[in-house]
Amino acid sequence: MREWFSKIDPTVKKESLYIASITGILSLLLQAGFLIARHWDYTVLLGNLLGGVTAAGNFFLMGITVQKAVAREQKPAADLMKFSQTMRLLMQLAVAVLGFALPCFNGYAVIIPLFFPRIAIMIRPFLDKKRQ
């Protein structure tokens, strides 16, 4: 396991950790929102966990794919990226369907965290600007 983890590019690790951190923070805010709206129950927590792990995992898998693609020629790299994007999108779709199909998950709490990485990417420039 360590050997595999050591092969991951430091940038992929760093950016994945950033996405996971912001996803965690936004997930806490989502829990608070459901609690304030008096719609919180254990299904919200389970749904949020499923959606958050899927969202962060999707970003990590994208990073791994990009890392592999840069070592290839242009056509095989493009094919790998397209295949990865399709599979990751299908994974998210399956998780969303699962979130609404199974009663142990709140479907909305599954779907909302899938957008958290996009929010994290949008706020990154502001956080970087603040650090400088």
C-alpha atoms as a PDB file:
ATOM      1  CA  MET A   1       0.000   0.000   0.000  1.00  0.00           C
ATOM      2  CA  ARG A   2       2.788   2.451   0.882  1.00  0.00           C
ATOM      3  CA  GLU A   3       4.577   1.628  -2.329  1.00  0.00           C
ATOM      4  CA  TRP A   4       1.483   2.501  -4.371  1.00  0.00           C
ATOM      5  CA  PHE A   5       0.888   5.687  -2.391  1.00  0.00           C
ATOM      6  CA  SER A   6       4.496   6.810  -2.862  1.00  0.00           C
ATOM      7  CA  LYS A   7       4.033   6.642  -6.653  1.00  0.00           C
ATOM      8  CA  ILE A   8       1.302   9.275  -6.532  1.00  0.00           C
ATOM      9  CA  ASP A   9       2.490  12.694  -7.650  1.00  0.00           C
ATOM     10  CA  PRO A  10       2.788  15.178  -4.743  1.00  0.00           C
ATOM     11  CA  THR A  11       0.572  17.661  -6.599  1.00  0.00           C
ATOM     12  CA  VAL A  12      -2.195  15.056  -6.903  1.00  0.00           C
ATOM     13  CA  LYS A  13      -1.914  14.383  -3.164  1.00  0.00           C
ATOM     14  CA  LYS A  14      -1.898  18.081  -2.279  1.00  0.00           C
ATOM     15  CA  GLU A  15      -4.849  19.020  -4.483  1.00  0.00           C
ATOM     16  CA  SER A  16      -6.852  15.953  -3.447  1.00  0.00           C
ATOM     17  CA  LEU A  17      -6.291  16.821   0.200  1.00  0.00           C
ATOM     18  CA  TYR A  18      -7.443  20.382  -0.482  1.00  0.00           C
ATOM     19  CA  ILE A  19     -10.616  19.125  -2.211  1.00  0.00           C
ATOM     20  CA  ALA A  20     -11.286  16.619   0.580  1.00  0.00           C
ATOM     21  CA  SER A  21     -10.801  19.329   3.233  1.00  0.00           C
ATOM     22  CA  ILE A  22     -13.158  21.807   1.593  1.00  0.00           C
ATOM     23  CA  THR A  23     -15.647  19.005   0.927  1.00  0.00           C
ATOM     24  CA  GLY A  24     -15.507  18.144   4.632  1.00  0.00           C
ATOM     25  CA  ILE A  25     -16.077  21.760   5.666  1.00  0.00           C
ATOM     26  CA  LEU A  26     -18.963  22.182   3.241  1.00  0.00           C
ATOM     27  CA  SER A  27     -20.416  18.860   4.419  1.00  0.00           C
ATOM     28  CA  LEU A  28     -20.457  20.164   7.974  1.00  0.00           C
ATOM     29  CA  LEU A  29     -22.267  23.271   6.749  1.00  0.00           C
ATOM     30  CA  LEU A  30     -24.741  21.048   4.895  1.00  0.00           C
ATOM     31  CA  GLN A  31     -25.400  19.102   8.103  1.00  0.00           C
ATOM     32  CA  ALA A  32     -25.969  22.380   9.937  1.00  0.00           C
ATOM     33  CA  GLY A  33     -28.371  23.533   7.232  1.00  0.00           C
ATOM     34  CA  PHE A  34     -30.453  20.383   7.513  1.00  0.00           C
ATOM     35  CA  LEU A  35     -30.374  20.706  11.303  1.00  0.00           C
ATOM     36  CA  ILE A  36     -31.484  24.357  11.225  1.00  0.00           C
ATOM     37  CA  ALA A  37     -34.244  23.509   8.733  1.00  0.00           C
ATOM     38  CA  ARG A  38     -35.329  20.718  11.115  1.00  0.00           C
ATOM     39  CA  HIS A  39     -34.940  18.062   8.419  1.00  0.00           C
ATOM     40  CA  TRP A  40     -31.908  16.342   9.909  1.00  0.00           C
ATOM     41  CA  ASP A  41     -31.887  12.621  10.640  1.00  0.00           C
ATOM     42  CA  TYR A  42     -29.346   9.828  10.257  1.00  0.00           C
ATOM     43  CA  THR A  43     -30.148   9.525   6.524  1.00  0.00           C
ATOM     44  CA  VAL A  44     -28.769  13.023   5.990  1.00  0.00           C
ATOM     45  CA  LEU A  45     -25.504  12.048   7.657  1.00  0.00           C
ATOM     46  CA  LEU A  46     -25.216   8.810   5.648  1.00  0.00           C
ATOM     47  CA  GLY A  47     -26.137  10.564   2.415  1.00  0.00           C
ATOM     48  CA  ASN A  48     -23.646  13.332   3.062  1.00  0.00           C
ATOM     49  CA  LEU A  49     -20.910  10.784   3.760  1.00  0.00           C
ATOM     50  CA  LEU A  50     -21.699   8.858   0.579  1.00  0.00           C
ATOM     51  CA  GLY A  51     -21.808  12.000  -1.556  1.00  0.00           C
ATOM     52  CA  GLY A  52     -18.741  13.583   0.024  1.00  0.00           C
ATOM     53  CA  VAL A  53     -16.566  10.488  -0.269  1.00  0.00           C
ATOM     54  CA  THR A  54     -17.707  10.029  -3.860  1.00  0.00           C
ATOM     55  CA  ALA A  55     -16.960  13.658  -4.716  1.00  0.00           C
ATOM     56  CA  ALA A  56     -13.485  13.647  -3.158  1.00  0.00           C
ATOM     57  CA  GLY A  57     -12.755  10.191  -4.568  1.00  0.00           C
ATOM     58  CA  ASN A  58     -13.821  11.300  -8.026  1.00  0.00           C
ATOM     59  CA  PHE A  59     -11.372  14.202  -7.903  1.00  0.00           C
ATOM     60  CA  PHE A  60      -8.587  11.922  -6.679  1.00  0.00           C
ATOM     61  CA  LEU A  61      -9.256   9.430  -9.474  1.00  0.00           C
ATOM     62  CA  MET A  62      -9.162  12.274 -11.984  1.00  0.00           C
ATOM     63  CA  GLY A  63      -5.774  13.326 -10.612  1.00  0.00           C
ATOM     64  CA  ILE A  64      -4.427   9.786 -10.900  1.00  0.00           C
ATOM     65  CA  THR A  65      -5.694   9.601 -14.484  1.00  0.00           C
ATOM     66  CA  VAL A  66      -4.047  12.899 -15.409  1.00  0.00           C
ATOM     67  CA  GLN A  67      -0.807  11.659 -13.847  1.00  0.00           C
ATOM     68  CA  LYS A  68      -0.963   8.526 -15.999  1.00  0.00           C
ATOM     69  CA  ALA A  69      -2.003  10.430 -19.122  1.00  0.00           C
ATOM     70  CA  VAL A  70       0.977  12.795 -19.111  1.00  0.00           C
ATOM     71  CA  ALA A  71       3.292   9.793 -19.494  1.00  0.00           C
ATOM     72  CA  ARG A  72       1.557   8.710 -22.726  1.00  0.00           C
ATOM     73  CA  GLU A  73       1.389   9.888 -26.300  1.00  0.00           C
ATOM     74  CA  GLN A  74      -1.366  12.338 -27.205  1.00  0.00           C
ATOM     75  CA  LYS A  75      -3.965   9.917 -28.657  1.00  0.00           C
ATOM     76  CA  PRO A  76      -3.689   7.234 -25.927  1.00  0.00           C
ATOM     77  CA  ALA A  77      -3.688   9.990 -23.295  1.00  0.00           C
ATOM     78  CA  ALA A  78      -6.840  11.547 -24.752  1.00  0.00           C
ATOM     79  CA  ASP A  79      -8.515   8.132 -24.909  1.00  0.00           C
ATOM     80  CA  LEU A  80      -7.582   7.432 -21.288  1.00  0.00           C
ATOM     81  CA  MET A  81      -8.974  10.792 -20.164  1.00  0.00           C
ATOM     82  CA  LYS A  82     -12.249  10.267 -22.066  1.00  0.00           C
ATOM     83  CA  PHE A  83     -12.648   6.754 -20.660  1.00  0.00           C
ATOM     84  CA  SER A  84     -11.900   7.970 -17.137  1.00  0.00           C
ATOM     85  CA  GLN A  85     -14.352  10.848 -17.423  1.00  0.00           C
ATOM     86  CA  THR A  86     -17.090   8.507 -18.637  1.00  0.00           C
ATOM     87  CA  MET A  87     -16.473   5.970 -15.865  1.00  0.00           C
ATOM     88  CA  ARG A  88     -16.293   8.617 -13.144  1.00  0.00           C
ATOM     89  CA  LEU A  89     -19.516  10.211 -14.410  1.00  0.00           C
ATOM     90  CA  LEU A  90     -21.234   6.811 -14.391  1.00  0.00           C
ATOM     91  CA  MET A  91     -19.951   6.254 -10.849  1.00  0.00           C
ATOM     92  CA  GLN A  92     -21.476   9.552  -9.738  1.00  0.00           C
ATOM     93  CA  LEU A  93     -24.737   8.722 -11.490  1.00  0.00           C
ATOM     94  CA  ALA A  94     -24.854   5.306  -9.793  1.00  0.00           C
ATOM     95  CA  VAL A  95     -24.216   6.919  -6.406  1.00  0.00           C
ATOM     96  CA  ALA A  96     -26.954   9.492  -7.025  1.00  0.00           C
ATOM     97  CA  VAL A  97     -29.449   6.789  -8.031  1.00  0.00           C
ATOM     98  CA  LEU A  98     -28.420   4.727  -5.011  1.00  0.00           C
ATOM     99  CA  GLY A  99     -28.904   7.766  -2.793  1.00  0.00           C
ATOM    100  CA  PHE A 100     -32.502   8.184  -3.895  1.00  0.00           C
ATOM    101  CA  ALA A 101     -33.296   4.466  -4.186  1.00  0.00           C
ATOM    102  CA  LEU A 102     -32.185   3.290  -0.758  1.00  0.00           C
ATOM    103  CA  PRO A 103     -34.145   4.559   2.254  1.00  0.00           C
ATOM    104  CA  CYS A 104     -31.007   4.731   4.419  1.00  0.00           C
ATOM    105  CA  PHE A 105     -29.794   7.767   2.429  1.00  0.00           C
ATOM    106  CA  ASN A 106     -31.266  11.218   2.009  1.00  0.00           C
ATOM    107  CA  GLY A 107     -31.029  11.698  -1.763  1.00  0.00           C
ATOM    108  CA  TYR A 108     -30.475  15.440  -1.555  1.00  0.00           C
ATOM    109  CA  ALA A 109     -27.698  14.957   0.991  1.00  0.00           C
ATOM    110  CA  VAL A 110     -26.056  12.587  -1.498  1.00  0.00           C
ATOM    111  CA  ILE A 111     -26.339  14.865  -4.530  1.00  0.00           C
ATOM    112  CA  ILE A 112     -25.367  18.221  -2.997  1.00  0.00           C
ATOM    113  CA  PRO A 113     -21.817  17.166  -1.964  1.00  0.00           C
ATOM    114  CA  LEU A 114     -21.113  16.066  -5.534  1.00  0.00           C
ATOM    115  CA  PHE A 115     -20.870  19.799  -6.335  1.00  0.00           C
ATOM    116  CA  PHE A 116     -18.476  20.612  -3.466  1.00  0.00           C
ATOM    117  CA  PRO A 117     -15.253  20.046  -5.449  1.00  0.00           C
ATOM    118  CA  ARG A 118     -16.442  22.556  -8.039  1.00  0.00           C
ATOM    119  CA  ILE A 119     -17.078  25.076  -5.250  1.00  0.00           C
ATOM    120  CA  ALA A 120     -13.644  24.319  -3.782  1.00  0.00           C
ATOM    121  CA  ILE A 121     -12.038  24.987  -7.162  1.00  0.00           C
ATOM    122  CA  MET A 122     -13.945  28.271  -7.495  1.00  0.00           C
ATOM    123  CA  ILE A 123     -12.867  29.584  -4.069  1.00  0.00           C
ATOM    124  CA  ARG A 124      -9.237  28.462  -4.407  1.00  0.00           C
ATOM    125  CA  PRO A 125      -8.027  31.720  -6.019  1.00  0.00           C
ATOM    126  CA  PHE A 126      -9.498  33.729  -3.147  1.00  0.00           C
ATOM    127  CA  LEU A 127      -7.804  31.528  -0.559  1.00  0.00           C
ATOM    128  CA  ASP A 128      -4.477  31.717  -2.414  1.00  0.00           C
ATOM    129  CA  LYS A 129      -4.789  35.506  -2.705  1.00  0.00           C
ATOM    130  CA  LYS A 130      -5.480  35.768   1.016  1.00  0.00           C
ATOM    131  CA  ARG A 131      -2.334  33.749   1.825  1.00  0.00           C
ATOM    132  CA  GLN A 132      -0.136  36.080  -0.234  1.00  0.00           C
END
